[in-house]
Amino acid sequence: MSNIFIRKARIQDVKQIHALLMHCARKEFLLPRSFNQLYSHLRDFFVLAEHDAPGIRGCCALSICWEDIAEIRSLAVDEDIQKQGWGGKLVDACLSDAVTLGIFRVFTLTYRPHFFERLGFAPVEKEQLPQKVWADCIHCPKFPECDENALIMEM
């Protein structure tokens, strides 16, 4: 039986979340997040923790964009526990949070579209996500030449 579990992120997790996300960003799996972004959006994050060890093994965030849509972002799982379903469980925690908040449309921008398609997300044109484009994408160093794939789930 695994001693890994999912919980909401805590302030003491931020440095480890940052390290995990930066490791994944260097491998071009996702875009980096600054400490400021992480502290400002800490309540958006779920983490994988271990009962008998300090630190976190993965993370994922649900970011509300508008009254009827939210984004799954910053999904990362330690390489040594990948392919065990933890990424899907983190996404499920975020989706459950969205439903609890009354949000039934959730999208993601990703370099790994097949992972999200297996979870029930469908490809969508980025132009159908105007709140995201003007809220976050406009500040991205890759804007307007975004190379991520947009997917959406309507629950």
C-alpha atoms as a PDB file:
ATOM      1  CA  MET A   1       0.000   0.000   0.000  1.00  0.00           C
ATOM      2  CA  SER A   2       1.315   3.415  -0.968  1.00  0.00           C
ATOM      3  CA  ASN A   3       2.046   6.038   1.614  1.00  0.00           C
ATOM      4  CA  ILE A   4       1.502   8.816  -0.959  1.00  0.00           C
ATOM      5  CA  PHE A   5      -1.634  10.935  -0.697  1.00  0.00           C
ATOM      6  CA  ILE A   6      -3.115  14.119  -2.175  1.00  0.00           C
ATOM      7  CA  ARG A   7      -3.691  17.231  -0.084  1.00  0.00           C
ATOM      8  CA  LYS A   8      -3.984  20.964  -0.560  1.00  0.00           C
ATOM      9  CA  ALA A   9      -0.644  22.777  -0.771  1.00  0.00           C
ATOM     10  CA  ARG A  10       0.804  24.562   2.235  1.00  0.00           C
ATOM     11  CA  ILE A  11       3.089  27.562   2.429  1.00  0.00           C
ATOM     12  CA  GLN A  12       6.079  25.358   3.302  1.00  0.00           C
ATOM     13  CA  ASP A  13       5.565  23.451   0.010  1.00  0.00           C
ATOM     14  CA  VAL A  14       6.237  26.437  -2.265  1.00  0.00           C
ATOM     15  CA  LYS A  15      10.011  25.975  -2.600  1.00  0.00           C
ATOM     16  CA  GLN A  16       9.598  22.298  -3.466  1.00  0.00           C
ATOM     17  CA  ILE A  17       6.745  23.020  -5.899  1.00  0.00           C
ATOM     18  CA  HIS A  18       8.994  25.604  -7.544  1.00  0.00           C
ATOM     19  CA  ALA A  19      11.912  23.169  -7.776  1.00  0.00           C
ATOM     20  CA  LEU A  20       9.694  20.463  -9.288  1.00  0.00           C
ATOM     21  CA  LEU A  21       8.153  22.856 -11.823  1.00  0.00           C
ATOM     22  CA  MET A  22      11.545  24.307 -12.792  1.00  0.00           C
ATOM     23  CA  HIS A  23      12.929  20.792 -13.318  1.00  0.00           C
ATOM     24  CA  CYS A  24       9.995  20.042 -15.641  1.00  0.00           C
ATOM     25  CA  ALA A  25      10.336  23.422 -17.377  1.00  0.00           C
ATOM     26  CA  ARG A  26      14.010  22.737 -18.154  1.00  0.00           C
ATOM     27  CA  LYS A  27      12.860  19.549 -19.892  1.00  0.00           C
ATOM     28  CA  GLU A  28      10.227  21.626 -21.733  1.00  0.00           C
ATOM     29  CA  PHE A  29       7.323  19.650 -20.244  1.00  0.00           C
ATOM     30  CA  LEU A  30       5.642  22.836 -18.997  1.00  0.00           C
ATOM     31  CA  LEU A  31       6.197  26.556 -18.601  1.00  0.00           C
ATOM     32  CA  PRO A  32       8.058  27.800 -15.520  1.00  0.00           C
ATOM     33  CA  ARG A  33       6.314  29.540 -12.631  1.00  0.00           C
ATOM     34  CA  SER A  34       7.911  32.223 -10.479  1.00  0.00           C
ATOM     35  CA  PHE A  35       7.911  32.191  -6.692  1.00  0.00           C
ATOM     36  CA  ASN A  36       5.574  35.199  -6.853  1.00  0.00           C
ATOM     37  CA  GLN A  37       3.101  33.253  -9.015  1.00  0.00           C
ATOM     38  CA  LEU A  38       3.255  30.275  -6.657  1.00  0.00           C
ATOM     39  CA  TYR A  39       2.752  32.296  -3.480  1.00  0.00           C
ATOM     40  CA  SER A  40      -0.063  34.289  -5.125  1.00  0.00           C
ATOM     41  CA  HIS A  41      -1.852  31.126  -6.291  1.00  0.00           C
ATOM     42  CA  LEU A  42      -0.941  28.657  -3.536  1.00  0.00           C
ATOM     43  CA  ARG A  43      -4.619  27.958  -2.783  1.00  0.00           C
ATOM     44  CA  ASP A  44      -5.005  26.653  -6.354  1.00  0.00           C
ATOM     45  CA  PHE A  45      -2.559  23.782  -5.778  1.00  0.00           C
ATOM     46  CA  PHE A  46      -2.926  20.175  -4.767  1.00  0.00           C
ATOM     47  CA  VAL A  47       0.237  18.229  -3.950  1.00  0.00           C
ATOM     48  CA  LEU A  48       1.341  14.627  -3.613  1.00  0.00           C
ATOM     49  CA  ALA A  49       2.779  14.118  -0.153  1.00  0.00           C
ATOM     50  CA  GLU A  50       4.120  11.107   1.754  1.00  0.00           C
ATOM     51  CA  HIS A  51       3.035  10.092   5.244  1.00  0.00           C
ATOM     52  CA  ASP A  52       6.535   9.184   6.365  1.00  0.00           C
ATOM     53  CA  ALA A  53       8.720  11.625   4.408  1.00  0.00           C
ATOM     54  CA  PRO A  54       9.032  15.381   4.147  1.00  0.00           C
ATOM     55  CA  GLY A  55       8.447  17.104   0.867  1.00  0.00           C
ATOM     56  CA  ILE A  56       6.160  16.683  -2.065  1.00  0.00           C
ATOM     57  CA  ARG A  57       6.243  14.291  -5.027  1.00  0.00           C
ATOM     58  CA  GLY A  58       3.902  16.105  -7.415  1.00  0.00           C
ATOM     59  CA  CYS A  59       1.563  19.038  -7.885  1.00  0.00           C
ATOM     60  CA  CYS A  60      -1.300  20.373  -9.972  1.00  0.00           C
ATOM     61  CA  ALA A  61      -3.339  23.578  -9.836  1.00  0.00           C
ATOM     62  CA  LEU A  62      -6.867  24.642 -10.715  1.00  0.00           C
ATOM     63  CA  SER A  63      -6.904  28.305 -11.705  1.00  0.00           C
ATOM     64  CA  ILE A  64     -10.261  30.059 -12.088  1.00  0.00           C
ATOM     65  CA  CYS A  65     -10.305  32.185 -15.239  1.00  0.00           C
ATOM     66  CA  TRP A  66     -13.864  33.457 -15.355  1.00  0.00           C
ATOM     67  CA  GLU A  67     -17.293  32.687 -13.924  1.00  0.00           C
ATOM     68  CA  ASP A  68     -17.731  29.579 -16.051  1.00  0.00           C
ATOM     69  CA  ILE A  69     -14.239  28.296 -16.857  1.00  0.00           C
ATOM     70  CA  ALA A  70     -11.078  27.219 -15.057  1.00  0.00           C
ATOM     71  CA  GLU A  71      -7.668  25.920 -16.083  1.00  0.00           C
ATOM     72  CA  ILE A  72      -5.657  22.879 -15.028  1.00  0.00           C
ATOM     73  CA  ARG A  73      -2.040  24.023 -14.863  1.00  0.00           C
ATOM     74  CA  SER A  74       1.366  23.184 -13.446  1.00  0.00           C
ATOM     75  CA  LEU A  75       0.867  19.410 -13.427  1.00  0.00           C
ATOM     76  CA  ALA A  76       4.122  17.712 -12.462  1.00  0.00           C
ATOM     77  CA  VAL A  77       4.964  14.345 -10.897  1.00  0.00           C
ATOM     78  CA  ASP A  78       8.392  13.102  -9.794  1.00  0.00           C
ATOM     79  CA  GLU A  79       9.914  10.925 -12.497  1.00  0.00           C
ATOM     80  CA  ASP A  80      10.364   7.949 -10.161  1.00  0.00           C
ATOM     81  CA  ILE A  81       6.600   7.677  -9.511  1.00  0.00           C
ATOM     82  CA  GLN A  82       5.302   8.476 -12.986  1.00  0.00           C
ATOM     83  CA  LYS A  83       3.166   5.932 -14.863  1.00  0.00           C
ATOM     84  CA  GLN A  84       1.414   4.990 -11.604  1.00  0.00           C
ATOM     85  CA  GLY A  85      -1.700   7.113 -12.077  1.00  0.00           C
ATOM     86  CA  TRP A  86      -0.720  10.008  -9.813  1.00  0.00           C
ATOM     87  CA  GLY A  87      -0.998  12.627 -12.562  1.00  0.00           C
ATOM     88  CA  GLY A  88      -4.559  11.540 -13.296  1.00  0.00           C
ATOM     89  CA  LYS A  89      -5.413  11.583  -9.596  1.00  0.00           C
ATOM     90  CA  LEU A  90      -4.079  15.135  -9.258  1.00  0.00           C
ATOM     91  CA  VAL A  91      -6.164  16.229 -12.260  1.00  0.00           C
ATOM     92  CA  ASP A  92      -9.214  14.467 -10.739  1.00  0.00           C
ATOM     93  CA  ALA A  93      -8.707  16.424  -7.499  1.00  0.00           C
ATOM     94  CA  CYS A  94      -8.701  19.661  -9.487  1.00  0.00           C
ATOM     95  CA  LEU A  95     -11.786  18.643 -11.482  1.00  0.00           C
ATOM     96  CA  SER A  96     -13.611  17.785  -8.261  1.00  0.00           C
ATOM     97  CA  ASP A  97     -12.645  21.186  -6.893  1.00  0.00           C
ATOM     98  CA  ALA A  98     -14.038  22.834 -10.049  1.00  0.00           C
ATOM     99  CA  VAL A  99     -17.384  21.053  -9.644  1.00  0.00           C
ATOM    100  CA  THR A 100     -17.509  22.033  -5.956  1.00  0.00           C
ATOM    101  CA  LEU A 101     -17.026  25.650  -7.050  1.00  0.00           C
ATOM    102  CA  GLY A 102     -19.784  25.328  -9.676  1.00  0.00           C
ATOM    103  CA  ILE A 103     -17.430  25.420 -12.670  1.00  0.00           C
ATOM    104  CA  PHE A 104     -18.168  22.812 -15.322  1.00  0.00           C
ATOM    105  CA  ARG A 105     -15.760  23.814 -18.113  1.00  0.00           C
ATOM    106  CA  VAL A 106     -12.075  23.178 -17.519  1.00  0.00           C
ATOM    107  CA  PHE A 107      -9.260  23.540 -20.018  1.00  0.00           C
ATOM    108  CA  THR A 108      -5.532  23.016 -20.123  1.00  0.00           C
ATOM    109  CA  LEU A 109      -2.622  24.133 -22.271  1.00  0.00           C
ATOM    110  CA  THR A 110      -0.119  21.320 -22.493  1.00  0.00           C
ATOM    111  CA  TYR A 111       2.789  19.732 -24.315  1.00  0.00           C
ATOM    112  CA  ARG A 112       1.265  16.333 -23.429  1.00  0.00           C
ATOM    113  CA  PRO A 113      -2.181  16.344 -25.092  1.00  0.00           C
ATOM    114  CA  HIS A 114      -2.549  12.551 -25.189  1.00  0.00           C
ATOM    115  CA  PHE A 115      -2.383  12.356 -21.388  1.00  0.00           C
ATOM    116  CA  PHE A 116      -5.321  14.757 -21.069  1.00  0.00           C
ATOM    117  CA  GLU A 117      -7.252  13.119 -23.911  1.00  0.00           C
ATOM    118  CA  ARG A 118      -7.123   9.836 -21.971  1.00  0.00           C
ATOM    119  CA  LEU A 119      -8.753  11.694 -19.062  1.00  0.00           C
ATOM    120  CA  GLY A 120     -11.624  12.929 -21.236  1.00  0.00           C
ATOM    121  CA  PHE A 121     -10.359  16.291 -22.465  1.00  0.00           C
ATOM    122  CA  ALA A 122     -10.910  17.189 -26.136  1.00  0.00           C
ATOM    123  CA  PRO A 123      -8.777  19.420 -28.367  1.00  0.00           C
ATOM    124  CA  VAL A 124      -9.988  23.009 -28.770  1.00  0.00           C
ATOM    125  CA  GLU A 125      -8.692  26.039 -30.656  1.00  0.00           C
ATOM    126  CA  LYS A 126      -6.915  28.518 -28.376  1.00  0.00           C
ATOM    127  CA  GLU A 127      -9.050  31.298 -29.840  1.00  0.00           C
ATOM    128  CA  GLN A 128     -12.012  29.764 -27.997  1.00  0.00           C
ATOM    129  CA  LEU A 129     -10.296  30.639 -24.688  1.00  0.00           C
ATOM    130  CA  PRO A 130     -10.202  34.456 -24.794  1.00  0.00           C
ATOM    131  CA  GLN A 131     -10.061  34.878 -21.006  1.00  0.00           C
ATOM    132  CA  LYS A 132      -6.842  32.843 -20.884  1.00  0.00           C
ATOM    133  CA  VAL A 133      -5.230  34.618 -23.805  1.00  0.00           C
ATOM    134  CA  TRP A 134      -5.713  38.075 -22.351  1.00  0.00           C
ATOM    135  CA  ALA A 135      -5.184  37.192 -18.686  1.00  0.00           C
ATOM    136  CA  ASP A 136      -2.023  35.067 -18.859  1.00  0.00           C
ATOM    137  CA  CYS A 137      -0.838  34.354 -22.377  1.00  0.00           C
ATOM    138  CA  ILE A 138      -0.233  37.989 -23.223  1.00  0.00           C
ATOM    139  CA  HIS A 139       2.558  37.975 -20.584  1.00  0.00           C
ATOM    140  CA  CYS A 140       4.151  34.716 -21.757  1.00  0.00           C
ATOM    141  CA  PRO A 141       7.534  34.956 -23.498  1.00  0.00           C
ATOM    142  CA  LYS A 142       6.175  32.610 -26.197  1.00  0.00           C
ATOM    143  CA  PHE A 143       3.173  34.851 -27.004  1.00  0.00           C
ATOM    144  CA  PRO A 144       1.851  34.978 -29.707  1.00  0.00           C
ATOM    145  CA  GLU A 145       3.734  31.900 -30.981  1.00  0.00           C
ATOM    146  CA  CYS A 146       2.344  29.471 -28.398  1.00  0.00           C
ATOM    147  CA  ASP A 147       3.332  25.872 -29.051  1.00  0.00           C
ATOM    148  CA  GLU A 148       1.139  24.292 -26.366  1.00  0.00           C
ATOM    149  CA  ASN A 149      -1.972  22.273 -27.182  1.00  0.00           C
ATOM    150  CA  ALA A 150      -5.319  23.472 -25.844  1.00  0.00           C
ATOM    151  CA  LEU A 151      -7.825  20.889 -24.563  1.00  0.00           C
ATOM    152  CA  ILE A 152     -11.128  21.299 -22.759  1.00  0.00           C
ATOM    153  CA  MET A 153     -13.504  19.183 -20.696  1.00  0.00           C
ATOM    154  CA  GLU A 154     -17.150  20.054 -20.227  1.00  0.00           C
ATOM    155  CA  MET A 155     -18.687  18.238 -17.280  1.00  0.00           C
END
